[in-house]
Amino acid sequence: MLTFGERLAVLRRRKGLTQQEVADQAAITANTLARVERGRVKMLRGDTVAALADVLGTTTDYLLGRTEESGVESEWEPAAVA
């Protein structure tokens, strides 16, 4: 199971975003985001977790490991057929 930071990093890379771009949109510093992705920051405010989820197009439940459904399509996951 991926950690919070690993989930952030994977989603960020899938979306083709830099740490700086995500940090700017989530109103945190790129240094903080880098430390979160590496697992060096363990506690974030709820509004920061929500902002990161919004920027990455996922849910807070996915980032927190409460579900495995990211809600993000990628080149590795087939798109749903309507």
N, C-alpha and C. Protein backbone atom coordinates (compact mmCIF):
# COMPACT_ATOMS: atom_id res chain seq x y z
N MET A 1 0.84 -1.18 0.00
CA MET A 1 0.00 0.00 0.00
C MET A 1 0.89 1.24 0.00
N LEU A 2 0.56 2.18 -0.84
CA LEU A 2 1.35 3.40 -0.96
C LEU A 2 1.09 4.34 0.22
N THR A 3 2.11 5.10 0.58
CA THR A 3 1.96 6.11 1.62
C THR A 3 1.30 7.35 1.03
N PHE A 4 0.92 8.26 1.90
CA PHE A 4 0.33 9.53 1.47
C PHE A 4 1.26 10.24 0.49
N GLY A 5 2.52 10.35 0.85
CA GLY A 5 3.49 11.03 0.00
C GLY A 5 3.69 10.34 -1.34
N GLU A 6 3.73 9.01 -1.31
CA GLU A 6 3.89 8.26 -2.56
C GLU A 6 2.68 8.46 -3.47
N ARG A 7 1.49 8.49 -2.89
CA ARG A 7 0.28 8.72 -3.68
C ARG A 7 0.33 10.11 -4.33
N LEU A 8 0.76 11.09 -3.55
CA LEU A 8 0.89 12.44 -4.10
C LEU A 8 1.84 12.46 -5.29
N ALA A 9 3.01 11.86 -5.10
CA ALA A 9 4.04 11.88 -6.14
C ALA A 9 3.56 11.17 -7.41
N VAL A 10 2.91 10.02 -7.23
CA VAL A 10 2.43 9.26 -8.40
C VAL A 10 1.39 10.07 -9.17
N LEU A 11 0.42 10.63 -8.46
CA LEU A 11 -0.62 11.42 -9.14
C LEU A 11 -0.05 12.66 -9.80
N ARG A 12 0.87 13.31 -9.12
CA ARG A 12 1.50 14.51 -9.69
C ARG A 12 2.20 14.18 -10.99
N ARG A 13 2.95 13.10 -11.00
CA ARG A 13 3.69 12.69 -12.21
C ARG A 13 2.72 12.28 -13.32
N ARG A 14 1.66 11.57 -12.98
CA ARG A 14 0.67 11.17 -13.99
C ARG A 14 0.05 12.37 -14.67
N LYS A 15 -0.13 13.43 -13.91
CA LYS A 15 -0.73 14.65 -14.47
C LYS A 15 0.31 15.53 -15.15
N GLY A 16 1.57 15.16 -15.07
CA GLY A 16 2.62 15.92 -15.72
C GLY A 16 2.91 17.26 -15.05
N LEU A 17 2.71 17.32 -13.75
CA LEU A 17 2.91 18.56 -13.01
C LEU A 17 4.21 18.52 -12.22
N THR A 18 4.82 19.68 -12.06
CA THR A 18 6.01 19.79 -11.23
C THR A 18 5.58 20.00 -9.77
N GLN A 19 6.52 19.78 -8.86
CA GLN A 19 6.24 20.06 -7.45
C GLN A 19 5.87 21.53 -7.27
N GLN A 20 6.55 22.41 -7.98
CA GLN A 20 6.27 23.85 -7.86
C GLN A 20 4.85 24.17 -8.31
N GLU A 21 4.40 23.57 -9.41
CA GLU A 21 3.05 23.84 -9.92
C GLU A 21 1.99 23.38 -8.91
N VAL A 22 2.16 22.18 -8.38
CA VAL A 22 1.19 21.67 -7.40
C VAL A 22 1.22 22.52 -6.14
N ALA A 23 2.41 22.82 -5.67
CA ALA A 23 2.55 23.62 -4.45
C ALA A 23 1.89 24.99 -4.61
N ASP A 24 2.13 25.65 -5.73
CA ASP A 24 1.52 26.96 -5.98
C ASP A 24 0.00 26.88 -5.93
N GLN A 25 -0.55 25.88 -6.58
CA GLN A 25 -2.02 25.74 -6.64
C GLN A 25 -2.61 25.35 -5.29
N ALA A 26 -1.84 24.64 -4.47
CA ALA A 26 -2.33 24.20 -3.16
C ALA A 26 -1.97 25.18 -2.05
N ALA A 27 -1.29 26.27 -2.40
CA ALA A 27 -0.91 27.32 -1.45
C ALA A 27 0.03 26.81 -0.36
N ILE A 28 1.00 25.98 -0.76
CA ILE A 28 2.07 25.56 0.13
C ILE A 28 3.39 25.78 -0.60
N THR A 29 4.50 25.60 0.06
CA THR A 29 5.78 25.77 -0.60
C THR A 29 6.18 24.47 -1.30
N ALA A 30 6.98 24.61 -2.33
CA ALA A 30 7.48 23.43 -3.05
C ALA A 30 8.34 22.58 -2.11
N ASN A 31 9.06 23.23 -1.20
CA ASN A 31 9.88 22.50 -0.23
C ASN A 31 9.00 21.62 0.67
N THR A 32 7.88 22.16 1.10
CA THR A 32 6.96 21.36 1.93
C THR A 32 6.43 20.18 1.14
N LEU A 33 6.02 20.41 -0.10
CA LEU A 33 5.51 19.32 -0.93
C LEU A 33 6.58 18.25 -1.12
N ALA A 34 7.81 18.64 -1.37
CA ALA A 34 8.89 17.67 -1.54
C ALA A 34 9.08 16.85 -0.27
N ARG A 35 9.01 17.51 0.87
CA ARG A 35 9.16 16.79 2.14
C ARG A 35 7.99 15.85 2.39
N VAL A 36 6.80 16.25 2.00
CA VAL A 36 5.63 15.37 2.14
C VAL A 36 5.80 14.14 1.26
N GLU A 37 6.18 14.36 0.00
CA GLU A 37 6.37 13.23 -0.93
C GLU A 37 7.43 12.26 -0.43
N ARG A 38 8.44 12.75 0.26
CA ARG A 38 9.51 11.88 0.78
C ARG A 38 9.15 11.27 2.13
N GLY A 39 7.99 11.65 2.68
CA GLY A 39 7.57 11.09 3.96
C GLY A 39 8.17 11.77 5.17
N ARG A 40 8.72 12.94 4.99
CA ARG A 40 9.34 13.65 6.11
C ARG A 40 8.36 14.55 6.86
N VAL A 41 7.23 14.83 6.25
CA VAL A 41 6.16 15.57 6.91
C VAL A 41 5.01 14.60 7.10
N LYS A 42 4.61 14.41 8.34
CA LYS A 42 3.56 13.43 8.64
C LYS A 42 2.20 14.06 8.89
N MET A 43 2.18 15.31 9.29
CA MET A 43 0.92 15.96 9.64
C MET A 43 0.70 17.19 8.75
N LEU A 44 -0.45 17.21 8.11
CA LEU A 44 -0.87 18.37 7.32
C LEU A 44 -2.24 18.80 7.78
N ARG A 45 -2.51 20.08 7.65
CA ARG A 45 -3.85 20.58 7.96
C ARG A 45 -4.86 19.97 6.99
N GLY A 46 -6.07 19.82 7.45
CA GLY A 46 -7.12 19.25 6.61
C GLY A 46 -7.36 20.04 5.34
N ASP A 47 -7.31 21.37 5.44
CA ASP A 47 -7.55 22.18 4.25
C ASP A 47 -6.41 22.02 3.25
N THR A 48 -5.21 21.72 3.72
CA THR A 48 -4.09 21.49 2.80
C THR A 48 -4.26 20.15 2.09
N VAL A 49 -4.70 19.13 2.81
CA VAL A 49 -4.96 17.83 2.19
C VAL A 49 -6.06 17.98 1.14
N ALA A 50 -7.11 18.72 1.48
CA ALA A 50 -8.21 18.95 0.53
C ALA A 50 -7.73 19.70 -0.70
N ALA A 51 -6.89 20.71 -0.49
CA ALA A 51 -6.36 21.48 -1.63
C ALA A 51 -5.51 20.61 -2.53
N LEU A 52 -4.68 19.76 -1.96
CA LEU A 52 -3.86 18.84 -2.76
C LEU A 52 -4.73 17.89 -3.55
N ALA A 53 -5.78 17.37 -2.93
CA ALA A 53 -6.70 16.47 -3.63
C ALA A 53 -7.36 17.19 -4.80
N ASP A 54 -7.79 18.42 -4.58
CA ASP A 54 -8.42 19.21 -5.65
C ASP A 54 -7.46 19.43 -6.81
N VAL A 55 -6.24 19.82 -6.50
CA VAL A 55 -5.25 20.09 -7.54
C VAL A 55 -4.98 18.83 -8.36
N LEU A 56 -4.94 17.69 -7.71
CA LEU A 56 -4.60 16.44 -8.39
C LEU A 56 -5.82 15.69 -8.91
N GLY A 57 -7.00 16.25 -8.71
CA GLY A 57 -8.22 15.64 -9.25
C GLY A 57 -8.57 14.32 -8.60
N THR A 58 -8.33 14.21 -7.31
CA THR A 58 -8.63 12.98 -6.59
C THR A 58 -9.41 13.32 -5.33
N THR A 59 -9.55 12.35 -4.45
CA THR A 59 -10.26 12.56 -3.20
C THR A 59 -9.29 12.53 -2.02
N THR A 60 -9.72 13.14 -0.94
CA THR A 60 -8.91 13.06 0.28
C THR A 60 -8.85 11.61 0.78
N ASP A 61 -9.92 10.87 0.59
CA ASP A 61 -9.92 9.46 1.00
C ASP A 61 -8.81 8.67 0.28
N TYR A 62 -8.62 8.93 -1.01
CA TYR A 62 -7.56 8.23 -1.74
C TYR A 62 -6.19 8.64 -1.19
N LEU A 63 -5.97 9.94 -1.04
CA LEU A 63 -4.67 10.39 -0.55
C LEU A 63 -4.36 9.83 0.83
N LEU A 64 -5.39 9.72 1.67
CA LEU A 64 -5.19 9.23 3.03
C LEU A 64 -5.17 7.70 3.12
N GLY A 65 -5.35 7.02 2.00
CA GLY A 65 -5.28 5.56 1.99
C GLY A 65 -6.55 4.88 2.45
N ARG A 66 -7.66 5.61 2.46
CA ARG A 66 -8.94 5.03 2.88
C ARG A 66 -9.64 4.29 1.75
N THR A 67 -9.20 4.53 0.51
CA THR A 67 -9.72 3.83 -0.66
C THR A 67 -8.59 3.69 -1.67
N GLU A 68 -8.71 2.73 -2.54
CA GLU A 68 -7.72 2.54 -3.59
C GLU A 68 -8.16 3.15 -4.92
N GLU A 69 -9.35 3.75 -4.95
CA GLU A 69 -9.89 4.37 -6.15
C GLU A 69 -9.44 5.83 -6.21
N SER A 70 -8.49 6.14 -7.11
CA SER A 70 -7.96 7.50 -7.18
C SER A 70 -8.88 8.45 -7.93
N GLY A 71 -9.70 7.91 -8.82
CA GLY A 71 -10.55 8.77 -9.63
C GLY A 71 -9.80 9.43 -10.78
N VAL A 72 -8.54 9.09 -10.95
CA VAL A 72 -7.70 9.69 -12.00
C VAL A 72 -7.41 8.63 -13.04
N GLU A 73 -7.77 8.95 -14.28
CA GLU A 73 -7.43 8.04 -15.38
C GLU A 73 -6.00 8.27 -15.80
N SER A 74 -5.34 7.21 -16.19
CA SER A 74 -3.96 7.36 -16.66
C SER A 74 -3.78 6.47 -17.88
N GLU A 75 -2.61 6.58 -18.46
CA GLU A 75 -2.33 5.75 -19.61
C GLU A 75 -2.25 4.27 -19.25
N TRP A 76 -2.13 3.96 -17.95
CA TRP A 76 -2.03 2.56 -17.52
C TRP A 76 -3.38 1.97 -17.21
N GLU A 77 -4.40 2.80 -17.06
CA GLU A 77 -5.73 2.32 -16.74
C GLU A 77 -6.66 2.55 -17.93
N PRO A 78 -7.34 1.53 -18.38
CA PRO A 78 -8.25 1.73 -19.52
C PRO A 78 -9.41 2.64 -19.12
N ALA A 79 -9.82 3.48 -20.04
CA ALA A 79 -10.96 4.37 -19.80
C ALA A 79 -12.23 3.55 -19.76
N ALA A 80 -13.16 3.98 -18.96
CA ALA A 80 -14.44 3.30 -18.85
C ALA A 80 -15.21 3.43 -20.16
N VAL A 81 -15.87 2.36 -20.56
CA VAL A 81 -16.65 2.37 -21.80
C VAL A 81 -18.10 2.67 -21.42
N ALA A 82 -18.68 3.67 -22.05
CA ALA A 82 -20.06 4.06 -21.73
C ALA A 82 -21.05 3.23 -22.48
